Every structure is written in C-alpha cells, then in structure tokens.
N, C-alpha and C. Protein backbone atom coordinates (compact mmCIF):
# COMPACT_ATOMS: atom_id res chain seq x y z
N MET A 1 16.96 59.73 22.60
CA MET A 1 16.12 58.82 23.23
C MET A 1 16.86 57.45 23.25
N VAL A 2 17.57 57.07 22.11
CA VAL A 2 18.20 55.84 22.04
C VAL A 2 19.35 55.70 23.26
N THR A 3 19.93 56.78 23.47
CA THR A 3 21.07 56.96 24.57
C THR A 3 20.40 56.61 25.85
N ALA A 4 19.26 57.26 26.04
CA ALA A 4 18.56 56.96 27.42
C ALA A 4 18.08 55.56 27.61
N TYR A 5 17.65 55.03 26.41
CA TYR A 5 17.09 53.63 26.42
C TYR A 5 18.30 52.61 26.82
N VAL A 6 19.46 52.90 26.15
CA VAL A 6 20.56 52.03 26.40
C VAL A 6 21.16 52.21 27.89
N VAL A 7 21.30 53.43 28.30
CA VAL A 7 21.74 53.58 29.63
C VAL A 7 20.98 53.08 30.64
N VAL A 8 19.56 53.37 30.57
CA VAL A 8 18.71 52.82 31.68
C VAL A 8 18.61 51.32 31.68
N THR A 9 18.60 50.79 30.52
CA THR A 9 18.40 49.35 30.33
C THR A 9 19.67 48.69 30.75
N VAL A 10 20.78 49.20 30.54
CA VAL A 10 22.03 48.64 31.05
C VAL A 10 22.07 48.79 32.66
N LEU A 11 21.61 49.77 33.20
CA LEU A 11 21.53 49.90 34.59
C LEU A 11 20.47 48.86 35.26
N THR A 12 19.49 48.69 34.67
CA THR A 12 18.49 47.67 34.94
C THR A 12 18.91 46.23 34.87
N ILE A 13 19.82 46.01 33.76
CA ILE A 13 20.51 44.56 33.60
C ILE A 13 21.46 44.43 34.73
N ALA A 14 22.20 45.42 35.00
CA ALA A 14 23.23 45.32 36.07
C ALA A 14 22.56 44.99 37.52
N ALA A 15 21.58 45.90 37.78
CA ALA A 15 20.83 45.60 38.99
C ALA A 15 20.44 44.30 39.25
N ASN A 16 19.59 43.82 38.17
CA ASN A 16 19.04 42.50 38.20
C ASN A 16 19.90 41.33 38.26
N ALA A 17 21.10 41.54 37.43
CA ALA A 17 22.10 40.44 37.30
C ALA A 17 22.79 40.42 38.83
N ALA A 18 23.08 41.64 39.40
CA ALA A 18 23.69 41.75 40.72
C ALA A 18 22.84 40.88 41.73
N ILE A 19 21.62 41.31 41.77
CA ILE A 19 20.83 40.80 42.93
C ILE A 19 20.56 39.20 42.67
N ALA A 20 20.40 38.94 41.41
CA ALA A 20 20.16 37.40 41.21
C ALA A 20 21.32 36.76 41.56
N ALA A 21 22.62 37.28 41.43
CA ALA A 21 23.85 36.54 41.90
C ALA A 21 23.76 36.44 43.49
N GLY A 22 23.29 37.42 44.08
CA GLY A 22 23.34 37.64 45.48
C GLY A 22 22.20 36.59 46.01
N ASP A 23 21.21 36.38 45.25
CA ASP A 23 20.06 35.44 45.59
C ASP A 23 20.75 34.03 45.47
N TYR A 24 21.37 33.84 44.38
CA TYR A 24 22.01 32.46 44.12
C TYR A 24 22.96 32.11 45.14
N ALA A 25 23.66 33.03 45.59
CA ALA A 25 24.76 32.90 46.72
C ALA A 25 24.21 32.81 48.08
N LYS A 26 22.80 32.96 48.19
CA LYS A 26 22.15 33.02 49.40
C LYS A 26 22.96 33.85 50.39
N LEU A 27 23.09 35.15 50.08
CA LEU A 27 23.83 36.08 50.95
C LEU A 27 22.89 36.27 52.30
N ASP A 28 23.41 36.72 53.26
CA ASP A 28 22.68 36.87 54.60
C ASP A 28 21.70 37.76 54.52
N PHE A 29 21.98 38.98 53.78
CA PHE A 29 20.93 39.93 53.79
C PHE A 29 19.71 39.58 52.80
N VAL A 30 19.90 38.62 51.81
CA VAL A 30 18.98 38.28 51.01
C VAL A 30 17.98 37.42 51.79
N LEU A 31 18.66 36.38 52.51
CA LEU A 31 17.71 35.45 53.32
C LEU A 31 17.13 36.05 54.44
N ALA A 32 17.58 37.18 54.97
CA ALA A 32 16.99 37.98 56.12
C ALA A 32 15.77 38.73 55.64
N ASN A 33 16.00 39.34 54.27
CA ASN A 33 14.94 40.05 53.82
C ASN A 33 13.84 39.09 53.45
N SER A 34 14.02 38.16 52.74
CA SER A 34 13.00 37.14 52.29
C SER A 34 12.17 36.68 53.64
N ALA A 35 12.96 36.39 54.64
CA ALA A 35 12.23 35.90 55.80
C ALA A 35 11.26 36.93 56.39
N GLU A 36 11.88 38.04 56.39
CA GLU A 36 11.27 39.37 56.98
C GLU A 36 9.85 39.66 56.26
N VAL A 37 9.78 39.27 55.03
CA VAL A 37 8.55 39.58 54.19
C VAL A 37 7.87 38.40 53.93
N HIS A 38 8.11 37.22 54.65
CA HIS A 38 7.53 36.05 54.65
C HIS A 38 7.53 35.20 53.26
N VAL A 39 8.66 35.47 52.64
CA VAL A 39 8.90 34.61 51.47
C VAL A 39 9.73 33.45 51.73
N PRO A 40 9.23 32.18 51.49
CA PRO A 40 10.00 31.01 51.99
C PRO A 40 11.30 30.96 51.29
N ARG A 41 12.28 30.30 52.01
CA ARG A 41 13.69 30.30 51.55
C ARG A 41 13.80 29.51 50.34
N SER A 42 12.97 28.59 50.12
CA SER A 42 12.91 27.64 48.99
C SER A 42 12.55 28.49 47.68
N TRP A 43 11.85 29.58 47.82
CA TRP A 43 11.53 30.50 46.45
C TRP A 43 12.76 31.34 46.19
N VAL A 44 13.74 31.58 47.03
CA VAL A 44 14.86 32.40 46.55
C VAL A 44 15.58 32.08 45.24
N PRO A 45 15.82 30.78 44.94
CA PRO A 45 16.60 30.50 43.82
C PRO A 45 15.65 30.73 42.62
N VAL A 46 14.23 30.32 42.75
CA VAL A 46 13.36 30.65 41.71
C VAL A 46 13.14 32.16 41.37
N LEU A 47 13.14 32.86 42.28
CA LEU A 47 12.99 34.34 42.23
C LEU A 47 14.24 34.88 41.55
N ALA A 48 15.47 34.33 41.96
CA ALA A 48 16.80 34.78 41.34
C ALA A 48 16.70 34.42 39.82
N THR A 49 16.19 33.25 39.47
CA THR A 49 16.05 32.75 38.02
C THR A 49 15.29 33.88 37.25
N LEU A 50 14.16 34.25 37.84
CA LEU A 50 13.35 35.29 37.19
C LEU A 50 13.94 36.51 37.00
N LYS A 51 14.77 37.00 37.95
CA LYS A 51 15.45 38.30 37.85
C LYS A 51 16.60 38.05 36.71
N ALA A 52 17.26 36.85 36.79
CA ALA A 52 18.45 36.71 35.68
C ALA A 52 17.63 36.56 34.45
N ALA A 53 16.73 35.90 34.18
CA ALA A 53 16.02 35.79 32.88
C ALA A 53 15.52 37.26 32.34
N GLY A 54 15.05 38.10 33.31
CA GLY A 54 14.74 39.37 32.94
C GLY A 54 15.92 40.32 32.45
N ALA A 55 17.04 40.04 33.17
CA ALA A 55 18.31 40.70 32.76
C ALA A 55 18.85 40.30 31.44
N ALA A 56 18.66 38.86 31.24
CA ALA A 56 19.03 38.27 29.90
C ALA A 56 18.26 38.80 28.76
N GLY A 57 17.05 38.82 28.96
CA GLY A 57 15.93 39.33 27.98
C GLY A 57 16.12 40.72 27.73
N LEU A 58 16.40 41.62 28.56
CA LEU A 58 16.82 43.07 28.46
C LEU A 58 18.14 43.12 27.44
N LEU A 59 19.12 42.26 27.83
CA LEU A 59 20.26 42.32 27.15
C LEU A 59 20.07 41.95 25.68
N LEU A 60 19.21 40.77 25.43
CA LEU A 60 18.98 40.34 24.15
C LEU A 60 18.14 41.53 23.39
N GLY A 61 17.29 42.21 24.14
CA GLY A 61 16.58 43.37 23.52
C GLY A 61 17.48 44.48 23.05
N LEU A 62 18.56 44.72 23.78
CA LEU A 62 19.60 45.73 23.38
C LEU A 62 20.37 45.12 22.06
N LEU A 63 20.49 43.85 22.03
CA LEU A 63 21.25 43.30 21.04
C LEU A 63 20.47 43.20 19.68
N GLY A 64 19.24 43.55 19.76
CA GLY A 64 18.40 43.48 18.50
C GLY A 64 17.00 42.80 18.53
N VAL A 65 16.81 41.96 19.56
CA VAL A 65 15.69 41.21 19.60
C VAL A 65 14.62 42.02 20.57
N ARG A 66 14.32 43.04 19.89
CA ARG A 66 13.35 44.14 20.64
C ARG A 66 12.10 43.63 21.36
N PRO A 67 11.24 42.71 20.65
CA PRO A 67 10.17 42.25 21.37
C PRO A 67 10.46 41.45 22.66
N LEU A 68 11.53 40.81 22.75
CA LEU A 68 11.98 40.04 23.93
C LEU A 68 12.58 41.04 24.89
N GLY A 69 13.20 42.07 24.49
CA GLY A 69 13.52 43.07 25.49
C GLY A 69 12.32 43.81 26.15
N PHE A 70 11.28 44.04 25.39
CA PHE A 70 10.04 44.59 25.70
C PHE A 70 9.36 43.73 26.70
N ALA A 71 9.27 42.50 26.41
CA ALA A 71 8.55 41.48 27.12
C ALA A 71 9.34 41.28 28.45
N ALA A 72 10.69 41.34 28.35
CA ALA A 72 11.44 41.08 29.86
C ALA A 72 11.34 42.33 30.68
N ALA A 73 11.25 43.63 30.11
CA ALA A 73 11.03 44.83 30.92
C ALA A 73 9.58 44.68 31.61
N ALA A 74 8.59 44.19 30.84
CA ALA A 74 7.22 44.08 31.28
C ALA A 74 7.24 43.20 32.46
N GLY A 75 7.95 42.09 32.22
CA GLY A 75 7.94 40.88 33.28
C GLY A 75 8.55 41.57 34.48
N LEU A 76 9.72 42.21 34.39
CA LEU A 76 10.33 42.80 35.70
C LEU A 76 9.47 43.85 36.30
N VAL A 77 8.73 44.60 35.54
CA VAL A 77 7.68 45.55 35.99
C VAL A 77 6.82 44.74 37.06
N LEU A 78 6.22 43.72 36.56
CA LEU A 78 5.35 42.91 37.16
C LEU A 78 5.85 42.18 38.45
N PHE A 79 7.16 41.68 38.17
CA PHE A 79 7.92 41.00 39.19
C PHE A 79 8.06 42.06 40.43
N TYR A 80 8.50 43.21 40.20
CA TYR A 80 8.95 44.22 41.17
C TYR A 80 7.52 44.92 41.91
N ALA A 81 6.53 44.93 40.91
CA ALA A 81 5.31 45.37 41.54
C ALA A 81 4.84 44.35 42.67
N GLY A 82 5.05 42.92 42.33
CA GLY A 82 4.69 41.95 43.38
C GLY A 82 5.59 41.96 44.60
N ALA A 83 6.91 42.56 44.37
CA ALA A 83 7.69 42.60 45.51
C ALA A 83 7.31 43.72 46.44
N LEU A 84 6.90 44.81 45.78
CA LEU A 84 6.32 45.92 46.53
C LEU A 84 5.11 45.61 47.28
N ILE A 85 4.37 45.02 46.61
CA ILE A 85 3.06 44.45 47.24
C ILE A 85 3.45 43.52 48.39
N THR A 86 4.43 42.78 48.39
CA THR A 86 4.75 41.75 49.38
C THR A 86 5.39 42.47 50.57
N HIS A 87 6.21 43.57 50.21
CA HIS A 87 6.70 44.47 51.36
C HIS A 87 5.59 45.16 52.06
N VAL A 88 4.67 45.69 51.35
CA VAL A 88 3.50 46.35 52.01
C VAL A 88 2.72 45.50 52.98
N ARG A 89 2.39 44.42 52.35
CA ARG A 89 1.40 43.44 53.09
C ARG A 89 2.21 42.78 54.41
N ALA A 90 3.52 42.86 54.25
CA ALA A 90 4.33 42.39 55.44
C ALA A 90 4.59 43.63 56.39
N ARG A 91 4.27 44.79 55.94
CA ARG A 91 4.48 45.92 56.58
C ARG A 91 6.02 46.14 57.03
N VAL A 92 6.78 45.83 55.96
CA VAL A 92 8.36 46.06 56.03
C VAL A 92 8.70 47.19 55.15
N PHE A 93 8.86 48.34 55.65
CA PHE A 93 9.17 49.54 54.90
C PHE A 93 10.61 50.12 55.03
N HIS A 94 11.36 49.56 55.99
CA HIS A 94 12.77 50.10 55.98
C HIS A 94 13.65 49.81 54.86
N ASN A 95 13.30 48.76 54.02
CA ASN A 95 14.16 48.42 53.06
C ASN A 95 13.31 48.35 51.61
N ILE A 96 12.16 49.05 51.64
CA ILE A 96 11.39 49.03 50.44
C ILE A 96 11.94 49.84 49.15
N ALA A 97 13.02 50.71 49.51
CA ALA A 97 13.61 51.53 48.57
C ALA A 97 14.25 50.57 47.41
N PHE A 98 14.85 49.41 47.88
CA PHE A 98 15.39 48.53 46.76
C PHE A 98 14.51 48.03 45.75
N PRO A 99 13.33 47.22 46.21
CA PRO A 99 12.43 47.03 45.24
C PRO A 99 11.78 48.13 44.44
N GLY A 100 11.60 49.20 45.21
CA GLY A 100 11.15 50.37 44.48
C GLY A 100 11.97 51.07 43.44
N THR A 101 13.21 50.97 43.80
CA THR A 101 14.26 51.45 42.66
C THR A 101 14.23 50.37 41.46
N CYS A 102 14.28 49.18 41.80
CA CYS A 102 14.37 48.11 40.74
C CYS A 102 12.98 48.29 39.80
N PHE A 103 11.81 48.52 40.66
CA PHE A 103 10.63 48.77 39.82
C PHE A 103 10.83 49.95 38.95
N ALA A 104 11.15 51.04 39.49
CA ALA A 104 11.41 52.29 38.69
C ALA A 104 12.28 52.06 37.44
N LEU A 105 13.31 51.35 37.60
CA LEU A 105 14.30 51.05 36.48
C LEU A 105 13.65 50.20 35.49
N ALA A 106 12.99 49.09 35.91
CA ALA A 106 12.25 48.28 34.92
C ALA A 106 11.17 49.10 34.24
N ALA A 107 10.40 49.82 35.01
CA ALA A 107 9.33 50.70 34.18
C ALA A 107 9.94 51.57 33.24
N ALA A 108 11.00 52.21 33.62
CA ALA A 108 11.73 53.21 32.69
C ALA A 108 12.23 52.38 31.50
N SER A 109 12.83 51.29 31.67
CA SER A 109 13.19 50.46 30.50
C SER A 109 12.00 50.06 29.76
N LEU A 110 10.92 49.74 30.33
CA LEU A 110 9.66 49.27 29.49
C LEU A 110 9.31 50.60 28.65
N ALA A 111 9.18 51.68 29.29
CA ALA A 111 8.77 52.92 28.59
C ALA A 111 9.71 53.26 27.55
N LEU A 112 11.06 53.33 27.69
CA LEU A 112 11.93 53.72 26.66
C LEU A 112 12.03 52.65 25.69
N ALA A 113 11.84 51.31 25.97
CA ALA A 113 11.82 50.35 24.94
C ALA A 113 10.62 50.52 24.02
N ALA A 114 9.57 50.95 24.61
CA ALA A 114 8.27 51.22 23.89
C ALA A 114 8.48 52.45 22.77
N THR A 115 9.29 53.23 23.12
CA THR A 115 9.52 54.48 22.30
C THR A 115 10.72 54.50 21.48
N ALA A 116 11.68 53.61 21.91
CA ALA A 116 13.04 53.54 21.06
C ALA A 116 12.96 52.89 19.82
C-alpha cells in the first residue's frame, strides 16, 4: 500500500507542478482553455498558485508531514471538482479528460494518504 501511495502521489505532484508551470508561463492552450470555460485570464496565476501549493503540500506529506499531505490532497480534490463543474457549466466536454484525470489522481492520493 505504501508503494501505491508513493507512486500515485508522485504522479499527482508531477501533473500539478507541470500544469502550474504552464499556467505561470501563460501557454496558449492554457489561456484558450480558460477563456473557453469562462475563467478570467487574471485568475490563471491564482489557480496556478493553488495547484503549485497542492503539489508542494503533497511533497511535504511524502517527506513526513502526513497531515499536510492529506490536506493538500483534499484541497486538490475540491479544486478539480470545481474545474469539472466549470467545464460542465460551460458545456465544454472535448477537453474535460484533463481535469478529470487530475481529479482522479488527487482522489487516489487522498484515499491512499488516508490508508498509508
């Protein structure tokens, strides 16, 4: 169980760190996606900070601060639930797999953190 926790959490950290970097860099696909789901461009750096904070919290959880890792995973679950709701409300389904995958990774990290 510990191996699964580490592997899934590392994948979750990598995914969130990568997309946070893309958000901070204001990559074209990030700006296009946010516009398509009606998220103001000014929110992109704030959302990137939340993703980066989640990744950092997960990393600290792996390094021994378990309550912080658990809280970070819970925060990311809520974050990506909001992202999924935003996609559904905007009726943008062609790229909903990305927030769905991130939601699944965060939920798996949360479940494994609770049992590890």
